[in-house]
Amino acid sequence: MKAYGETLTALADPTRRAILELLRPRPMTVSELADKMPVSRPAVSQHLAVLREAHLVNETRDGTRRFYRADPKGLAALRSYLEDFWGDVLADFANAAEAEKKRKRRKR
């Protein structure tokens, strides 16, 4: 699977998107995240594992505590894919508009 595919798969789950949003402003522990979520600590840990595998969050340790933070670099592959995708769509639209313009000129 391409990198953007992993990112899309990770972000397809609403709980993982909510966790990522919670981590945008500051790093948090699993306990802090679980206190703000309608799922258990083990479930939060499982979601964090998926987000880590997709490079959307990273983990740092401070003694026995683990802090998770959003990693904006993890969105780079998805961003690149979307930019390429929309570039292709816009190019196709421009070509179709030009073809329509030529067709109308020939009718006159």
Protein backbone atom coordinates (compact mmCIF):
# COMPACT_ATOMS: atom_id res chain seq x y z
CA MET A 1 0.00 0.00 0.00
CA LYS A 2 1.28 3.46 -0.83
CA ALA A 3 2.00 5.84 2.03
CA TYR A 4 -1.08 7.95 1.34
CA GLY A 5 -3.17 4.77 1.44
CA GLU A 6 -1.98 4.01 4.97
CA THR A 7 -2.84 7.57 5.96
CA LEU A 8 -6.32 7.38 4.43
CA THR A 9 -6.96 4.03 6.10
CA ALA A 10 -5.86 5.37 9.48
CA LEU A 11 -7.99 8.49 9.11
CA ALA A 12 -11.07 6.55 7.95
CA ASP A 13 -11.94 5.78 11.55
CA PRO A 14 -13.75 8.63 13.37
CA THR A 15 -12.17 7.73 16.72
CA ARG A 16 -8.67 8.02 15.24
CA ARG A 17 -9.56 11.37 13.67
CA ALA A 18 -10.84 12.56 17.06
CA ILE A 19 -7.61 11.44 18.74
CA LEU A 20 -5.53 13.24 16.14
CA GLU A 21 -7.58 16.41 16.68
CA LEU A 22 -7.04 16.17 20.44
CA LEU A 23 -3.30 15.89 19.87
CA ARG A 24 -3.04 18.91 17.58
CA PRO A 25 -2.60 21.51 20.33
CA ARG A 26 -0.36 19.54 22.71
CA PRO A 27 1.07 16.13 23.55
CA MET A 28 -1.08 13.88 25.74
CA THR A 29 -0.87 10.52 27.49
CA VAL A 30 -3.18 7.60 26.80
CA SER A 31 -4.97 8.32 30.08
CA GLU A 32 -5.56 11.95 29.15
CA LEU A 33 -6.90 10.93 25.75
CA ALA A 34 -9.13 8.20 27.23
CA ASP A 35 -10.62 10.71 29.67
CA LYS A 36 -11.79 12.78 26.69
CA MET A 37 -13.00 9.87 24.57
CA PRO A 38 -16.00 7.52 24.76
CA VAL A 39 -13.65 4.50 24.47
CA SER A 40 -11.43 2.63 26.93
CA ARG A 41 -7.71 3.15 27.48
CA PRO A 42 -6.85 -0.12 25.70
CA ALA A 43 -8.94 1.01 22.71
CA VAL A 44 -7.14 4.38 22.67
CA SER A 45 -3.81 2.51 22.75
CA GLN A 46 -4.88 0.39 19.77
CA HIS A 47 -5.94 3.47 17.82
CA LEU A 48 -2.63 5.16 18.67
CA ALA A 49 -0.76 2.13 17.34
CA VAL A 50 -2.53 2.51 13.98
CA LEU A 51 -1.82 6.26 13.93
CA ARG A 52 1.85 5.59 14.77
CA GLU A 53 2.14 3.01 11.97
CA ALA A 54 0.74 5.61 9.56
CA HIS A 55 3.28 8.16 10.89
CA LEU A 56 0.50 10.48 12.05
CA VAL A 57 1.59 10.54 15.70
CA ASN A 58 4.87 9.99 17.46
CA GLU A 59 5.65 8.93 20.99
CA THR A 60 8.14 10.23 23.54
CA ARG A 61 8.83 8.81 26.98
CA ASP A 62 9.29 10.70 30.20
CA GLY A 63 10.06 8.11 32.85
CA THR A 64 7.19 5.65 32.82
CA ARG A 65 4.84 8.01 30.98
CA ARG A 66 4.43 8.05 27.23
CA PHE A 67 3.35 11.20 25.50
CA TYR A 68 1.80 11.20 22.06
CA ARG A 69 1.83 14.13 19.71
CA ALA A 70 0.46 14.74 16.24
CA ASP A 71 3.12 14.51 13.54
CA PRO A 72 2.26 16.83 10.63
CA LYS A 73 4.97 15.20 8.51
CA GLY A 74 2.79 12.10 8.42
CA LEU A 75 0.29 13.96 6.29
CA ALA A 76 2.90 14.83 3.63
CA ALA A 77 2.21 11.77 1.45
CA LEU A 78 -1.55 12.38 1.56
CA ARG A 79 -1.09 16.06 0.82
CA SER A 80 1.13 15.25 -2.16
CA TYR A 81 -1.39 12.71 -3.46
CA LEU A 82 -4.27 15.18 -3.18
CA GLU A 83 -2.29 17.95 -4.84
CA ASP A 84 -1.40 15.63 -7.74
CA PHE A 85 -4.96 14.38 -7.95
CA TRP A 86 -6.45 17.88 -8.11
CA GLY A 87 -3.75 18.98 -10.54
CA ASP A 88 -4.82 16.16 -12.88
CA VAL A 89 -8.52 17.02 -12.45
CA LEU A 90 -7.90 20.71 -13.18
CA ALA A 91 -5.78 19.86 -16.25
CA ASP A 92 -8.58 17.60 -17.55
CA PHE A 93 -11.11 20.36 -16.93
CA ALA A 94 -8.95 22.90 -18.79
CA ASN A 95 -8.59 20.49 -21.73
CA ALA A 96 -12.34 19.86 -21.83
CA ALA A 97 -13.06 23.61 -21.70
CA GLU A 98 -10.61 24.24 -24.54
CA ALA A 99 -12.18 21.45 -26.63
CA GLU A 100 -15.65 22.91 -26.03
CA LYS A 101 -14.41 26.35 -27.03
CA LYS A 102 -12.99 24.96 -30.30
CA ARG A 103 -16.22 23.05 -30.97
CA LYS A 104 -18.27 26.24 -30.59
CA ARG A 105 -15.94 28.16 -32.92
CA ARG A 106 -16.38 25.52 -35.64
CA LYS A 107 -20.18 25.80 -35.38
CA ARG A 108 -20.12 29.51 -36.16
